[in-house]
Structures are given as structure tokens and as C-alpha cells.
Amino acid sequence: MRSKRINGKIFGVLFAVCGMTLLLTSSVLAAGGAWVDEVWNMVVFEKASFPGSNFDPYFEKLGRIRNDLIEDNHLSVKTETNQFLKMLADRAYGIHDVAADEIYNFALQVRPMEEPISLATSELGIASEQPMSVPDHTINTPYEGGSKCKDGGCDYWEDNVFDPGAS
């Protein structure tokens, strides 16, 4: 009888721990955009501290970032966030210097780290442009002012090619 009670308590504790773990991790995963709310609250605080400054454009920009996070548009979130930080750095719209510095430093601390975009997993489309190299369509020579290379390219193993950088 006593072992059933102990097993029941162990099962109850295990169930409670698993439940708490699930609740905590789900709130962390769901809070991907919570950093915007934290920055929003910081702007509200600074607006109360410096009532003479115009914070409306900053609220508009944070609203756009929040909407882009909801729509899962990472490229736009990155662009809007960079514009928001530039506005703060430039003290745009007459914002007070101290308020701009405080919000800027806070935003840098709470925003998530940028993840590199893998070219292998990206799809082609309007929102996924990637830089690429384009041939310059010029005739290459083995050295400046030298003779033109053959159709297959320059053969640097030939003895008649002068390469000023070689020893």
C-alpha cells in the first residue's frame, strides 16, 4: 500500500515537472515577437520622461515591425528594425539625445540575433533575392596589355605567358 502512494507521488511530481516544462517552453517559443513589445514599453517610458519629443514615428515603425513579425516576414522585420535603429542614431524627429541613446542600447540588447540565410534552403521569389556574381563580359588577358586568351581561357602553364607576379 505504501509503495502505491510513493509511486503515485512520484508520478504526480513527474507529471507536474513535465507540465511546467511544456508551459515554459511554449511561452518562450510563442514570445518570438515579445522583444518588440519590450522596446515599445521602453519608448512609452522615454516619452513620459521627455514629453517635448515627438515619439509618434517611432511607435509607427514599431507597429510595422510587429505586423511583419505576425506575418512572418523576416526580411521586412530586419529592414524595418535597421531603419528604426538609424532613426534613433540620427535623433530623427527631434527626439531627445538621452532618450535616443537609451532606446537604441535597449533595442540592441533585446532584439534577437540575426540568423544567416542558407542559400540551399532559400526559394526563388520576390522576397528572397540573393546577390550573385555576374561575368563582366570582357576578354581576359594573362596580364595587362597582353595578348588575348584563347576560347578556353588562358593557359598559365605555357612557357610563352608572362606573369609579372610569378617568381
Protein backbone atom coordinates (compact mmCIF):
# COMPACT_ATOMS: atom_id res chain seq x y z
CA MET A 1 0.00 0.00 0.00
CA ARG A 2 2.81 2.35 0.89
CA SER A 3 4.62 1.68 -2.43
CA LYS A 4 1.47 2.65 -4.35
CA ARG A 5 1.38 6.00 -2.55
CA ILE A 6 5.08 6.60 -3.24
CA ASN A 7 4.64 5.62 -6.89
CA GLY A 8 1.59 7.90 -7.11
CA LYS A 9 3.55 10.82 -5.65
CA ILE A 10 6.48 10.20 -7.99
CA PHE A 11 4.08 10.06 -10.93
CA GLY A 12 2.40 13.28 -9.77
CA VAL A 13 5.71 15.12 -9.38
CA LEU A 14 6.90 13.86 -12.75
CA PHE A 15 3.63 14.96 -14.36
CA ALA A 16 3.90 18.41 -12.75
CA VAL A 17 7.51 18.85 -13.89
CA CYS A 18 6.65 17.85 -17.45
CA GLY A 19 3.66 20.19 -17.44
CA MET A 20 5.73 23.12 -16.19
CA THR A 21 8.43 22.42 -18.76
CA LEU A 22 5.84 22.37 -21.53
CA LEU A 23 4.29 25.62 -20.34
CA LEU A 24 7.62 27.41 -20.03
CA THR A 25 8.98 26.31 -23.40
CA SER A 26 5.74 27.08 -25.23
CA SER A 27 5.68 30.60 -23.83
CA VAL A 28 9.31 31.12 -24.86
CA LEU A 29 8.60 29.83 -28.35
CA ALA A 30 5.47 31.96 -28.65
CA ALA A 31 7.33 35.06 -27.44
CA GLY A 32 9.34 35.47 -30.66
CA GLY A 33 7.95 38.97 -31.10
CA ALA A 34 7.99 39.90 -27.41
CA TRP A 35 11.14 41.94 -27.94
CA VAL A 36 9.12 44.47 -29.96
CA ASP A 37 6.72 44.85 -27.03
CA GLU A 38 9.66 45.44 -24.70
CA VAL A 39 11.05 48.15 -26.99
CA TRP A 40 7.53 49.62 -27.28
CA ASN A 41 7.33 49.83 -23.47
CA MET A 42 10.75 51.48 -23.38
CA VAL A 43 9.59 54.11 -25.88
CA VAL A 44 6.47 54.71 -23.74
CA PHE A 45 8.71 55.20 -20.70
CA GLU A 46 11.00 57.61 -22.54
CA LYS A 47 8.01 59.51 -23.92
CA ALA A 48 6.82 60.08 -20.35
CA SER A 49 10.31 61.19 -19.34
CA PHE A 50 10.75 63.60 -22.28
CA PRO A 51 7.27 64.94 -23.19
CA GLY A 52 8.66 67.56 -25.58
CA SER A 53 9.99 64.96 -28.03
CA ASN A 54 8.00 63.51 -30.93
CA PHE A 55 7.85 59.74 -30.47
CA ASP A 56 4.94 59.07 -32.88
CA PRO A 57 7.15 58.00 -35.85
CA TYR A 58 8.92 55.53 -33.55
CA PHE A 59 5.60 53.99 -32.50
CA GLU A 60 4.61 53.73 -36.17
CA LYS A 61 7.86 51.96 -37.04
CA LEU A 62 7.48 49.54 -34.10
CA GLY A 63 3.90 48.86 -35.22
CA ARG A 64 5.18 47.93 -38.68
CA ILE A 65 7.82 45.65 -37.15
CA ARG A 66 5.15 43.96 -35.01
CA ASN A 67 2.91 43.41 -38.05
CA ASP A 68 5.81 41.97 -40.05
CA LEU A 69 6.60 39.59 -37.19
CA ILE A 70 2.98 38.42 -37.17
CA GLU A 71 3.13 37.88 -40.94
CA ASP A 72 6.48 36.06 -40.51
CA ASN A 73 8.20 38.42 -42.97
CA HIS A 74 11.79 38.22 -41.69
CA LEU A 75 13.30 40.35 -44.44
CA SER A 76 10.93 43.22 -43.72
CA VAL A 77 11.48 42.85 -39.96
CA LYS A 78 15.23 43.19 -40.48
CA THR A 79 14.83 46.18 -42.80
CA GLU A 80 12.34 47.99 -40.54
CA THR A 81 14.45 47.28 -37.44
CA ASN A 82 17.55 48.71 -39.12
CA GLN A 83 15.57 51.80 -40.13
CA PHE A 84 14.28 52.15 -36.56
CA LEU A 85 17.83 51.98 -35.19
CA LYS A 86 19.00 54.51 -37.80
CA MET A 87 16.20 56.86 -36.78
CA LEU A 88 17.42 56.62 -33.19
CA ALA A 89 21.06 57.13 -34.14
CA ASP A 90 20.16 60.21 -36.22
CA ARG A 91 17.87 61.59 -33.49
CA ALA A 92 15.17 61.87 -36.13
CA TYR A 93 12.00 63.91 -35.45
CA GLY A 94 13.58 65.91 -32.64
CA ILE A 95 13.91 63.11 -30.13
CA HIS A 96 15.96 63.90 -27.03
CA ASP A 97 19.57 62.64 -27.10
CA VAL A 98 19.33 60.72 -23.82
CA ALA A 99 16.07 59.06 -24.87
CA ALA A 100 17.53 58.08 -28.24
CA ASP A 101 20.61 56.55 -26.62
CA GLU A 102 18.56 54.66 -24.03
CA ILE A 103 16.14 53.20 -26.59
CA TYR A 104 18.93 52.40 -29.05
CA ASN A 105 21.00 50.49 -26.49
CA PHE A 106 17.94 48.70 -25.14
CA ALA A 107 16.76 47.68 -28.63
CA LEU A 108 20.19 46.26 -29.44
CA GLN A 109 20.09 44.16 -26.27
CA VAL A 110 16.59 42.69 -26.66
CA ARG A 111 16.31 42.10 -30.39
CA PRO A 112 17.08 38.53 -31.47
CA MET A 113 20.36 37.66 -33.10
CA GLU A 114 20.28 37.53 -36.88
CA GLU A 115 20.34 34.08 -38.37
CA PRO A 116 22.33 33.61 -41.58
CA ILE A 117 20.19 32.75 -44.58
CA SER A 118 21.19 29.45 -46.13
CA LEU A 119 21.24 29.63 -49.91
CA ALA A 120 20.48 25.91 -50.12
CA THR A 121 17.16 26.28 -48.31
CA SER A 122 16.04 29.58 -49.80
CA GLU A 123 13.46 29.57 -52.53
CA LEU A 124 13.44 31.81 -55.55
CA GLY A 125 10.94 34.60 -55.38
CA ILE A 126 10.42 38.30 -54.91
CA ALA A 127 11.22 38.33 -51.18
CA SER A 128 14.29 36.09 -51.40
CA GLU A 129 16.71 37.92 -53.68
CA GLN A 130 20.33 36.94 -53.16
CA PRO A 131 23.44 38.59 -54.58
CA MET A 132 25.22 36.67 -57.28
CA SER A 133 28.30 37.20 -59.36
CA VAL A 134 27.83 38.16 -62.98
CA PRO A 135 30.55 37.77 -65.61
CA ASP A 136 31.95 41.08 -66.76
CA HIS A 137 31.81 40.05 -70.45
CA THR A 138 35.31 41.25 -71.19
CA ILE A 139 38.11 39.44 -72.93
CA ASN A 140 40.62 38.32 -70.34
CA THR A 141 44.35 38.52 -70.85
CA PRO A 142 47.03 36.87 -68.76
CA TYR A 143 48.45 40.31 -67.89
CA GLU A 144 47.62 43.94 -68.50
CA GLY A 145 48.16 44.81 -72.17
CA GLY A 146 48.98 41.23 -73.13
CA SER A 147 47.64 39.11 -75.95
CA LYS A 148 44.07 37.83 -75.83
CA CYS A 149 43.39 34.44 -74.32
CA LYS A 150 42.10 31.56 -76.43
CA ASP A 151 38.45 30.48 -76.27
CA GLY A 152 39.14 28.03 -73.43
CA GLY A 153 40.86 30.68 -71.29
CA CYS A 154 44.46 31.49 -70.58
CA ASP A 155 46.84 28.59 -70.07
CA TYR A 156 49.29 29.70 -67.43
CA TRP A 157 51.35 26.56 -67.86
CA GLU A 158 52.54 27.59 -71.30
CA ASP A 159 56.05 28.97 -71.41
CA ASN A 160 55.14 31.96 -73.56
CA VAL A 161 52.84 33.56 -70.96
CA PHE A 162 54.43 36.34 -68.94
CA ASP A 163 53.10 36.64 -65.40
CA PRO A 164 54.66 39.61 -63.61
CA GLY A 165 53.53 38.34 -60.17
CA ALA A 166 55.20 34.95 -60.54
CA SER A 167 58.70 34.36 -59.25
